[in-house]
Amino acid sequence: MADQDMMKRIAEALERMSPAPFEAPDFDSADAFVWHVSPDRLEPVQKVSRVALELLVGVNRSRDTLLENTLQFADGLPANNALLWGARGMGKSSLVKAVHAEVLNRGKPLKIVELQREDLPSVSRLLNLLRGSEHRFLLFCDDLSFSHDDQHYKSLKAVLDGGIEGRPDNVVFYATSNRRHLMPRDMIENERQSAINPSEAVEEKVSLSDRFGLWLGFHPCDQDEYLAMIRGYCNAYGVEIDEDTLWAEAIEWQATRGARSGRVAWQYFTDLAGRKGVTLD
């Protein structure tokens, strides 16, 4: 009897320790969600941090391609997974969020779900949840990359290939990365030189990027594009400044940071708006 009581107490303790079954949220409550683990949950985001699509300068081709692909998907048509790669701060993640907003503005229902790279091992659980919904989802992972001993890339294949079940028809995957092949070039070369079979050593990881149907490259902007970005922000938010002052301040700002990009342009504009007493809500 004592043994039975002890087993009962152990079973009850284990039941208390185990997480409650995960239930899908009310997807109609928001257009954006963030996936968290431990415990698994989808947190709704009522206000997404993003800029308008028309304010993204110098990415016209990538903008048009990604928008068309996303509209196809929102309409229930075939669409490709997309990898946005290239120079940092040039609007890769901003474009994904802006395209999502534009699709919504056109009256097409589409949910965006942000997934962190470190949570990729849980992606199969997330896909099973989304698979059972009537909604369509843009699964988004920002700043995706892998190191030589990183096994997370195997989980990513569940999104891109889907195994025997296939990727859910109502899910498309967009990722951003500073690296075209999702891993450093020097790491690729090192593995080729040290492996018994050099071609097989890196093929599995390098070929991962080939599983994206769309590759959209982003390159550093020139000075005219940099200034055009800032002028566009000024016009959109009603910040008044003469051209000579804008030119001098913006050039000095980028010089102190040793870089010129869309992110640097926004950082200067944020400082300018603050000095002018203009809010950015």
C-alpha atoms as a PDB file:
ATOM      1  CA  MET A   1       0.000   0.000   0.000  1.00  0.00           C
ATOM      2  CA  ALA A   2       2.831   2.347   0.864  1.00  0.00           C
ATOM      3  CA  ASP A   3       4.398   1.670  -2.531  1.00  0.00           C
ATOM      4  CA  GLN A   4       1.122   2.468  -4.267  1.00  0.00           C
ATOM      5  CA  ASP A   5       0.795   5.756  -2.372  1.00  0.00           C
ATOM      6  CA  MET A   6       4.357   6.690  -3.275  1.00  0.00           C
ATOM      7  CA  MET A   7       3.788   5.901  -6.962  1.00  0.00           C
ATOM      8  CA  LYS A   8       0.620   7.972  -6.908  1.00  0.00           C
ATOM      9  CA  ARG A   9       2.444  10.927  -5.372  1.00  0.00           C
ATOM     10  CA  ILE A  10       5.235  10.634  -7.985  1.00  0.00           C
ATOM     11  CA  ALA A  11       2.682  10.520 -10.813  1.00  0.00           C
ATOM     12  CA  GLU A  12       0.906  13.595  -9.449  1.00  0.00           C
ATOM     13  CA  ALA A  13       4.211  15.461  -9.104  1.00  0.00           C
ATOM     14  CA  LEU A  14       5.188  14.632 -12.670  1.00  0.00           C
ATOM     15  CA  GLU A  15       1.795  15.794 -13.890  1.00  0.00           C
ATOM     16  CA  ARG A  16       2.260  19.117 -12.097  1.00  0.00           C
ATOM     17  CA  MET A  17       5.726  19.520 -13.611  1.00  0.00           C
ATOM     18  CA  SER A  18       4.655  18.777 -17.184  1.00  0.00           C
ATOM     19  CA  PRO A  19       3.468  21.784 -19.199  1.00  0.00           C
ATOM     20  CA  ALA A  20      -0.172  22.087 -20.097  1.00  0.00           C
ATOM     21  CA  PRO A  21      -1.058  21.126 -23.672  1.00  0.00           C
ATOM     22  CA  PHE A  22      -0.438  24.045 -26.021  1.00  0.00           C
ATOM     23  CA  GLU A  23      -3.538  25.553 -27.531  1.00  0.00           C
ATOM     24  CA  ALA A  24      -3.630  27.717 -30.635  1.00  0.00           C
ATOM     25  CA  PRO A  25      -4.356  31.383 -29.957  1.00  0.00           C
ATOM     26  CA  ASP A  26      -7.206  33.305 -31.496  1.00  0.00           C
ATOM     27  CA  PHE A  27      -5.571  34.090 -34.839  1.00  0.00           C
ATOM     28  CA  ASP A  28      -8.254  36.666 -35.548  1.00  0.00           C
ATOM     29  CA  SER A  29      -6.994  38.750 -32.610  1.00  0.00           C
ATOM     30  CA  ALA A  30      -3.894  40.023 -34.457  1.00  0.00           C
ATOM     31  CA  ASP A  31      -2.073  39.965 -37.785  1.00  0.00           C
ATOM     32  CA  ALA A  32       1.348  39.295 -36.235  1.00  0.00           C
ATOM     33  CA  PHE A  33       2.624  36.769 -33.691  1.00  0.00           C
ATOM     34  CA  VAL A  34       5.944  35.816 -32.084  1.00  0.00           C
ATOM     35  CA  TRP A  35       6.747  32.159 -31.373  1.00  0.00           C
ATOM     36  CA  HIS A  36       8.188  31.386 -27.924  1.00  0.00           C
ATOM     37  CA  VAL A  37       9.225  28.107 -26.348  1.00  0.00           C
ATOM     38  CA  SER A  38       9.461  26.812 -22.752  1.00  0.00           C
ATOM     39  CA  PRO A  39       6.517  26.741 -22.765  1.00  0.00           C
ATOM     40  CA  ASP A  40       5.381  26.787 -26.397  1.00  0.00           C
ATOM     41  CA  ARG A  41       3.169  29.760 -27.163  1.00  0.00           C
ATOM     42  CA  LEU A  42       2.293  32.257 -29.860  1.00  0.00           C
ATOM     43  CA  GLU A  43       2.193  35.797 -28.497  1.00  0.00           C
ATOM     44  CA  PRO A  44       0.082  38.266 -30.506  1.00  0.00           C
ATOM     45  CA  VAL A  45       1.716  41.557 -31.526  1.00  0.00           C
ATOM     46  CA  GLN A  46      -0.789  44.374 -31.853  1.00  0.00           C
ATOM     47  CA  LYS A  47       1.645  46.951 -33.273  1.00  0.00           C
ATOM     48  CA  VAL A  48       4.475  45.802 -35.539  1.00  0.00           C
ATOM     49  CA  SER A  49       7.626  47.954 -35.694  1.00  0.00           C
ATOM     50  CA  ARG A  50       8.011  48.756 -39.398  1.00  0.00           C
ATOM     51  CA  VAL A  51       8.282  51.476 -42.023  1.00  0.00           C
ATOM     52  CA  ALA A  52       6.064  52.013 -45.052  1.00  0.00           C
ATOM     53  CA  LEU A  53       7.003  50.179 -48.237  1.00  0.00           C
ATOM     54  CA  GLU A  54       7.371  53.410 -50.232  1.00  0.00           C
ATOM     55  CA  LEU A  55      10.051  54.657 -47.820  1.00  0.00           C
ATOM     56  CA  LEU A  56      12.452  51.826 -48.680  1.00  0.00           C
ATOM     57  CA  VAL A  57      14.890  53.295 -51.215  1.00  0.00           C
ATOM     58  CA  GLY A  58      17.257  51.423 -53.513  1.00  0.00           C
ATOM     59  CA  VAL A  59      15.564  48.005 -53.248  1.00  0.00           C
ATOM     60  CA  ASN A  60      13.006  48.344 -56.035  1.00  0.00           C
ATOM     61  CA  ARG A  61      13.686  45.024 -57.736  1.00  0.00           C
ATOM     62  CA  SER A  62      13.710  43.040 -54.492  1.00  0.00           C
ATOM     63  CA  ARG A  63      10.610  44.927 -53.340  1.00  0.00           C
ATOM     64  CA  ASP A  64       8.618  44.111 -56.466  1.00  0.00           C
ATOM     65  CA  THR A  65       9.707  40.466 -56.536  1.00  0.00           C
ATOM     66  CA  LEU A  66       8.954  39.811 -52.870  1.00  0.00           C
ATOM     67  CA  LEU A  67       5.637  41.656 -53.009  1.00  0.00           C
ATOM     68  CA  GLU A  68       4.465  39.682 -56.029  1.00  0.00           C
ATOM     69  CA  ASN A  69       5.478  36.381 -54.403  1.00  0.00           C
ATOM     70  CA  THR A  70       3.681  37.303 -51.174  1.00  0.00           C
ATOM     71  CA  LEU A  71       0.515  38.415 -52.964  1.00  0.00           C
ATOM     72  CA  GLN A  72       0.437  35.084 -54.816  1.00  0.00           C
ATOM     73  CA  PHE A  73       0.706  33.252 -51.526  1.00  0.00           C
ATOM     74  CA  ALA A  74      -1.999  35.384 -49.880  1.00  0.00           C
ATOM     75  CA  ASP A  75      -4.288  34.562 -52.814  1.00  0.00           C
ATOM     76  CA  GLY A  76      -3.827  30.842 -52.200  1.00  0.00           C
ATOM     77  CA  LEU A  77      -1.497  30.360 -55.169  1.00  0.00           C
ATOM     78  CA  PRO A  78       1.925  28.653 -55.234  1.00  0.00           C
ATOM     79  CA  ALA A  79       4.772  30.785 -53.830  1.00  0.00           C
ATOM     80  CA  ASN A  80       8.445  30.346 -53.006  1.00  0.00           C
ATOM     81  CA  ASN A  81      10.350  30.533 -49.753  1.00  0.00           C
ATOM     82  CA  ALA A  82      12.633  33.582 -49.871  1.00  0.00           C
ATOM     83  CA  LEU A  83      16.145  34.325 -48.623  1.00  0.00           C
ATOM     84  CA  LEU A  84      17.040  38.024 -48.376  1.00  0.00           C
ATOM     85  CA  TRP A  85      20.811  38.236 -48.063  1.00  0.00           C
ATOM     86  CA  GLY A  86      23.520  40.864 -48.240  1.00  0.00           C
ATOM     87  CA  ALA A  87      24.801  44.054 -46.659  1.00  0.00           C
ATOM     88  CA  ARG A  88      23.735  44.714 -43.095  1.00  0.00           C
ATOM     89  CA  GLY A  89      21.367  47.582 -42.415  1.00  0.00           C
ATOM     90  CA  MET A  90      20.035  47.738 -45.978  1.00  0.00           C
ATOM     91  CA  GLY A  91      16.417  46.966 -45.196  1.00  0.00           C
ATOM     92  CA  LYS A  92      16.116  43.186 -45.471  1.00  0.00           C
ATOM     93  CA  SER A  93      13.904  42.671 -42.418  1.00  0.00           C
ATOM     94  CA  SER A  94      12.211  46.042 -42.995  1.00  0.00           C
ATOM     95  CA  LEU A  95      11.188  44.881 -46.467  1.00  0.00           C
ATOM     96  CA  VAL A  96       9.621  41.670 -45.160  1.00  0.00           C
ATOM     97  CA  LYS A  97       7.545  43.574 -42.604  1.00  0.00           C
ATOM     98  CA  ALA A  98       6.645  46.324 -45.079  1.00  0.00           C
ATOM     99  CA  VAL A  99       5.519  43.786 -47.687  1.00  0.00           C
ATOM    100  CA  HIS A 100       3.316  42.109 -45.093  1.00  0.00           C
ATOM    101  CA  ALA A 101       1.724  45.470 -44.283  1.00  0.00           C
ATOM    102  CA  GLU A 102       1.154  46.197 -47.984  1.00  0.00           C
ATOM    103  CA  VAL A 103      -0.588  42.848 -48.458  1.00  0.00           C
ATOM    104  CA  LEU A 104      -2.892  43.683 -45.548  1.00  0.00           C
ATOM    105  CA  ASN A 105      -3.540  47.157 -46.983  1.00  0.00           C
ATOM    106  CA  ARG A 106      -4.740  45.467 -50.174  1.00  0.00           C
ATOM    107  CA  GLY A 107      -7.343  43.606 -48.197  1.00  0.00           C
ATOM    108  CA  LYS A 108      -5.702  40.187 -48.302  1.00  0.00           C
ATOM    109  CA  PRO A 109      -5.588  38.276 -45.000  1.00  0.00           C
ATOM    110  CA  LEU A 110      -2.089  37.112 -44.060  1.00  0.00           C
ATOM    111  CA  LYS A 111      -0.523  36.430 -40.676  1.00  0.00           C
ATOM    112  CA  ILE A 112       3.184  36.907 -39.984  1.00  0.00           C
ATOM    113  CA  VAL A 113       4.881  34.735 -37.343  1.00  0.00           C
ATOM    114  CA  GLU A 114       8.390  35.610 -36.192  1.00  0.00           C
ATOM    115  CA  LEU A 115      10.641  32.706 -35.252  1.00  0.00           C
ATOM    116  CA  GLN A 116      14.024  33.178 -33.554  1.00  0.00           C
ATOM    117  CA  ARG A 117      16.995  31.245 -34.953  1.00  0.00           C
ATOM    118  CA  GLU A 118      17.690  29.586 -31.603  1.00  0.00           C
ATOM    119  CA  ASP A 119      14.119  28.234 -31.573  1.00  0.00           C
ATOM    120  CA  LEU A 120      14.453  26.379 -34.887  1.00  0.00           C
ATOM    121  CA  PRO A 121      14.503  22.962 -33.142  1.00  0.00           C
ATOM    122  CA  SER A 122      10.868  23.614 -32.168  1.00  0.00           C
ATOM    123  CA  VAL A 123       9.756  24.452 -35.697  1.00  0.00           C
ATOM    124  CA  SER A 124       8.070  21.106 -36.325  1.00  0.00           C
ATOM    125  CA  ARG A 125       5.735  21.749 -33.395  1.00  0.00           C
ATOM    126  CA  LEU A 126       4.971  25.207 -34.745  1.00  0.00           C
ATOM    127  CA  LEU A 127       4.303  23.879 -38.253  1.00  0.00           C
ATOM    128  CA  ASN A 128       1.901  21.264 -36.911  1.00  0.00           C
ATOM    129  CA  LEU A 129       0.006  24.011 -35.154  1.00  0.00           C
ATOM    130  CA  LEU A 130      -0.149  26.263 -38.221  1.00  0.00           C
ATOM    131  CA  ARG A 131      -1.016  23.367 -40.521  1.00  0.00           C
ATOM    132  CA  GLY A 132      -4.342  22.934 -38.779  1.00  0.00           C
ATOM    133  CA  SER A 133      -5.419  26.562 -39.231  1.00  0.00           C
ATOM    134  CA  GLU A 134      -7.529  28.017 -42.034  1.00  0.00           C
ATOM    135  CA  HIS A 135      -5.292  31.118 -42.072  1.00  0.00           C
ATOM    136  CA  ARG A 136      -2.203  31.650 -44.224  1.00  0.00           C
ATOM    137  CA  PHE A 137       1.101  32.362 -42.495  1.00  0.00           C
ATOM    138  CA  LEU A 138       4.346  34.080 -43.422  1.00  0.00           C
ATOM    139  CA  LEU A 139       6.945  32.478 -41.147  1.00  0.00           C
ATOM    140  CA  PHE A 140       9.813  34.950 -40.672  1.00  0.00           C
ATOM    141  CA  CYS A 141      13.309  34.375 -39.250  1.00  0.00           C
ATOM    142  CA  ASP A 142      15.617  37.388 -39.052  1.00  0.00           C
ATOM    143  CA  ASP A 143      19.428  37.269 -39.113  1.00  0.00           C
ATOM    144  CA  LEU A 144      19.700  33.583 -39.957  1.00  0.00           C
ATOM    145  CA  SER A 145      23.183  32.013 -40.056  1.00  0.00           C
ATOM    146  CA  PHE A 146      24.990  28.892 -38.876  1.00  0.00           C
ATOM    147  CA  SER A 147      28.405  28.056 -37.464  1.00  0.00           C
ATOM    148  CA  HIS A 148      30.411  24.908 -38.260  1.00  0.00           C
ATOM    149  CA  ASP A 149      29.089  22.960 -35.244  1.00  0.00           C
ATOM    150  CA  ASP A 150      25.537  24.324 -35.410  1.00  0.00           C
ATOM    151  CA  GLN A 151      22.895  21.634 -35.925  1.00  0.00           C
ATOM    152  CA  HIS A 152      19.932  24.034 -36.139  1.00  0.00           C
ATOM    153  CA  TYR A 153      20.136  23.952 -39.922  1.00  0.00           C
ATOM    154  CA  LYS A 154      18.695  20.431 -39.840  1.00  0.00           C
ATOM    155  CA  SER A 155      15.540  21.791 -38.223  1.00  0.00           C
ATOM    156  CA  LEU A 156      15.277  24.404 -40.960  1.00  0.00           C
ATOM    157  CA  LYS A 157      14.885  21.657 -43.536  1.00  0.00           C
ATOM    158  CA  ALA A 158      11.521  20.861 -41.953  1.00  0.00           C
ATOM    159  CA  VAL A 159      10.373  24.301 -43.055  1.00  0.00           C
ATOM    160  CA  LEU A 160      11.926  24.256 -46.510  1.00  0.00           C
ATOM    161  CA  ASP A 161      11.326  20.612 -47.455  1.00  0.00           C
ATOM    162  CA  GLY A 162       8.796  19.456 -44.910  1.00  0.00           C
ATOM    163  CA  GLY A 163       9.839  15.802 -44.835  1.00  0.00           C
ATOM    164  CA  ILE A 164       7.272  13.251 -45.973  1.00  0.00           C
ATOM    165  CA  GLU A 165       4.415  15.526 -44.925  1.00  0.00           C
ATOM    166  CA  GLY A 166       5.731  18.418 -46.986  1.00  0.00           C
ATOM    167  CA  ARG A 167       5.650  22.074 -46.018  1.00  0.00           C
ATOM    168  CA  PRO A 168       2.113  23.098 -45.039  1.00  0.00           C
ATOM    169  CA  ASP A 169       0.302  24.685 -47.982  1.00  0.00           C
ATOM    170  CA  ASN A 170      -0.662  27.611 -45.759  1.00  0.00           C
ATOM    171  CA  VAL A 171       2.921  28.459 -44.691  1.00  0.00           C
ATOM    172  CA  VAL A 172       5.707  30.253 -46.566  1.00  0.00           C
ATOM    173  CA  PHE A 173       9.134  30.936 -45.046  1.00  0.00           C
ATOM    174  CA  TYR A 174      11.158  34.163 -45.395  1.00  0.00           C
ATOM    175  CA  ALA A 175      14.606  34.569 -43.843  1.00  0.00           C
ATOM    176  CA  THR A 176      17.206  37.336 -43.792  1.00  0.00           C
ATOM    177  CA  SER A 177      20.937  36.807 -43.526  1.00  0.00           C
ATOM    178  CA  ASN A 178      24.178  38.705 -44.040  1.00  0.00           C
ATOM    179  CA  ARG A 179      25.535  35.542 -45.687  1.00  0.00           C
ATOM    180  CA  ARG A 180      24.464  34.219 -49.060  1.00  0.00           C
ATOM    181  CA  HIS A 181      25.065  30.591 -48.057  1.00  0.00           C
ATOM    182  CA  LEU A 182      24.095  31.079 -44.389  1.00  0.00           C
ATOM    183  CA  MET A 183      27.629  30.303 -43.184  1.00  0.00           C
ATOM    184  CA  PRO A 184      30.946  32.227 -43.353  1.00  0.00           C
ATOM    185  CA  ARG A 185      33.043  31.816 -46.499  1.00  0.00           C
ATOM    186  CA  ASP A 186      36.211  31.111 -44.491  1.00  0.00           C
ATOM    187  CA  MET A 187      34.388  28.316 -42.674  1.00  0.00           C
ATOM    188  CA  ILE A 188      33.413  26.758 -46.001  1.00  0.00           C
ATOM    189  CA  GLU A 189      37.040  26.866 -47.155  1.00  0.00           C
ATOM    190  CA  ASN A 190      38.361  25.471 -43.861  1.00  0.00           C
ATOM    191  CA  GLU A 191      35.998  22.504 -43.973  1.00  0.00           C
ATOM    192  CA  ARG A 192      36.913  21.796 -47.593  1.00  0.00           C
ATOM    193  CA  GLN A 193      40.620  21.697 -46.678  1.00  0.00           C
ATOM    194  CA  SER A 194      40.303  19.576 -43.531  1.00  0.00           C
ATOM    195  CA  ALA A 195      37.661  17.050 -44.539  1.00  0.00           C
ATOM    196  CA  ILE A 196      38.375  13.563 -45.886  1.00  0.00           C
ATOM    197  CA  ASN A 197      35.795  14.184 -48.597  1.00  0.00           C
ATOM    198  CA  PRO A 198      35.887  17.973 -49.088  1.00  0.00           C
ATOM    199  CA  SER A 199      32.843  18.235 -51.345  1.00  0.00           C
ATOM    200  CA  GLU A 200      30.567  16.280 -48.999  1.00  0.00           C
ATOM    201  CA  ALA A 201      31.812  18.130 -45.909  1.00  0.00           C
ATOM    202  CA  VAL A 202      30.088  21.387 -46.778  1.00  0.00           C
ATOM    203  CA  GLU A 203      27.524  20.336 -49.376  1.00  0.00           C
ATOM    204  CA  GLU A 204      24.802  19.714 -46.808  1.00  0.00           C
ATOM    205  CA  LYS A 205      25.042  23.187 -45.299  1.00  0.00           C
ATOM    206  CA  VAL A 206      25.800  25.161 -48.443  1.00  0.00           C
ATOM    207  CA  SER A 207      22.954  23.495 -50.325  1.00  0.00           C
ATOM    208  CA  LEU A 208      20.539  24.666 -47.638  1.00  0.00           C
ATOM    209  CA  SER A 209      20.381  28.101 -49.267  1.00  0.00           C
ATOM    210  CA  ASP A 210      19.520  26.403 -52.576  1.00  0.00           C
ATOM    211  CA  ARG A 211      16.246  25.292 -51.030  1.00  0.00           C
ATOM    212  CA  PHE A 212      15.000  28.886 -51.093  1.00  0.00           C
ATOM    213  CA  GLY A 213      13.169  29.540 -54.346  1.00  0.00           C
ATOM    214  CA  LEU A 214      13.920  33.256 -54.195  1.00  0.00           C
ATOM    215  CA  TRP A 215      17.349  34.779 -53.533  1.00  0.00           C
ATOM    216  CA  LEU A 216      17.168  38.535 -53.145  1.00  0.00           C
ATOM    217  CA  GLY A 217      20.509  40.343 -52.796  1.00  0.00           C
ATOM    218  CA  PHE A 218      21.011  43.613 -50.912  1.00  0.00           C
ATOM    219  CA  HIS A 219      24.092  45.746 -51.516  1.00  0.00           C
ATOM    220  CA  PRO A 220      25.552  48.865 -49.855  1.00  0.00           C
ATOM    221  CA  CYS A 221      23.862  52.091 -50.892  1.00  0.00           C
ATOM    222  CA  ASP A 222      25.626  55.047 -52.480  1.00  0.00           C
ATOM    223  CA  GLN A 223      25.555  58.571 -51.101  1.00  0.00           C
ATOM    224  CA  ASP A 224      22.626  59.719 -53.240  1.00  0.00           C
ATOM    225  CA  GLU A 225      20.481  56.802 -52.083  1.00  0.00           C
ATOM    226  CA  TYR A 226      21.494  57.428 -48.471  1.00  0.00           C
ATOM    227  CA  LEU A 227      20.412  61.066 -48.675  1.00  0.00           C
ATOM    228  CA  ALA A 228      17.230  60.116 -50.551  1.00  0.00           C
ATOM    229  CA  MET A 229      16.289  57.776 -47.705  1.00  0.00           C
ATOM    230  CA  ILE A 230      16.593  60.566 -45.169  1.00  0.00           C
ATOM    231  CA  ARG A 231      14.710  63.075 -47.328  1.00  0.00           C
ATOM    232  CA  GLY A 232      11.931  60.499 -47.750  1.00  0.00           C
ATOM    233  CA  TYR A 233      11.660  60.094 -43.981  1.00  0.00           C
ATOM    234  CA  CYS A 234      11.564  63.880 -43.536  1.00  0.00           C
ATOM    235  CA  ASN A 235       8.743  64.248 -46.044  1.00  0.00           C
ATOM    236  CA  ALA A 236       6.763  61.352 -44.589  1.00  0.00           C
ATOM    237  CA  TYR A 237       6.964  62.593 -40.993  1.00  0.00           C
ATOM    238  CA  GLY A 238       6.818  66.324 -41.665  1.00  0.00           C
ATOM    239  CA  VAL A 239      10.339  67.187 -40.501  1.00  0.00           C
ATOM    240  CA  GLU A 240      11.477  70.461 -42.060  1.00  0.00           C
ATOM    241  CA  ILE A 241      15.160  71.030 -42.806  1.00  0.00           C
ATOM    242  CA  ASP A 242      16.943  72.786 -45.656  1.00  0.00           C
ATOM    243  CA  GLU A 243      18.966  70.732 -48.124  1.00  0.00           C
ATOM    244  CA  ASP A 244      22.372  72.165 -47.227  1.00  0.00           C
ATOM    245  CA  THR A 245      21.940  71.454 -43.521  1.00  0.00           C
ATOM    246  CA  LEU A 246      20.544  67.996 -44.210  1.00  0.00           C
ATOM    247  CA  TRP A 247      23.443  67.163 -46.517  1.00  0.00           C
ATOM    248  CA  ALA A 248      26.113  68.376 -44.073  1.00  0.00           C
ATOM    249  CA  GLU A 249      24.624  66.695 -41.005  1.00  0.00           C
ATOM    250  CA  ALA A 250      23.831  63.416 -42.747  1.00  0.00           C
ATOM    251  CA  ILE A 251      27.315  63.108 -44.224  1.00  0.00           C
ATOM    252  CA  GLU A 252      28.920  63.859 -40.863  1.00  0.00           C
ATOM    253  CA  TRP A 253      26.634  61.314 -39.189  1.00  0.00           C
ATOM    254  CA  GLN A 254      27.640  58.506 -41.553  1.00  0.00           C
ATOM    255  CA  ALA A 255      31.310  59.463 -41.307  1.00  0.00           C
ATOM    256  CA  THR A 256      31.298  59.115 -37.512  1.00  0.00           C
ATOM    257  CA  ARG A 257      29.852  55.605 -37.862  1.00  0.00           C
ATOM    258  CA  GLY A 258      32.132  54.475 -40.650  1.00  0.00           C
ATOM    259  CA  ALA A 259      29.170  53.117 -42.611  1.00  0.00           C
ATOM    260  CA  ARG A 260      26.410  54.181 -44.948  1.00  0.00           C
ATOM    261  CA  SER A 261      23.196  52.172 -44.959  1.00  0.00           C
ATOM    262  CA  GLY A 262      19.465  52.372 -44.504  1.00  0.00           C
ATOM    263  CA  ARG A 263      19.895  51.704 -40.800  1.00  0.00           C
ATOM    264  CA  VAL A 264      22.356  54.593 -40.436  1.00  0.00           C
ATOM    265  CA  ALA A 265      19.960  56.838 -42.384  1.00  0.00           C
ATOM    266  CA  TRP A 266      17.135  55.978 -39.988  1.00  0.00           C
ATOM    267  CA  GLN A 267      19.359  56.537 -36.953  1.00  0.00           C
ATOM    268  CA  TYR A 268      20.279  60.009 -38.188  1.00  0.00           C
ATOM    269  CA  PHE A 269      16.644  60.788 -38.957  1.00  0.00           C
ATOM    270  CA  THR A 270      15.594  59.631 -35.467  1.00  0.00           C
ATOM    271  CA  ASP A 271      18.095  62.058 -33.966  1.00  0.00           C
ATOM    272  CA  LEU A 272      16.918  64.825 -36.292  1.00  0.00           C
ATOM    273  CA  ALA A 273      13.242  64.244 -35.487  1.00  0.00           C
ATOM    274  CA  GLY A 274      14.018  64.362 -31.775  1.00  0.00           C
ATOM    275  CA  ARG A 275      15.828  67.676 -32.146  1.00  0.00           C
ATOM    276  CA  LYS A 276      12.883  69.035 -34.154  1.00  0.00           C
ATOM    277  CA  GLY A 277      10.350  67.845 -31.563  1.00  0.00           C
ATOM    278  CA  VAL A 278       8.605  65.481 -33.989  1.00  0.00           C
ATOM    279  CA  THR A 279       7.265  62.137 -32.750  1.00  0.00           C
ATOM    280  CA  LEU A 280       7.517  59.000 -34.891  1.00  0.00           C
ATOM    281  CA  ASP A 281       4.314  57.210 -33.863  1.00  0.00           C
END
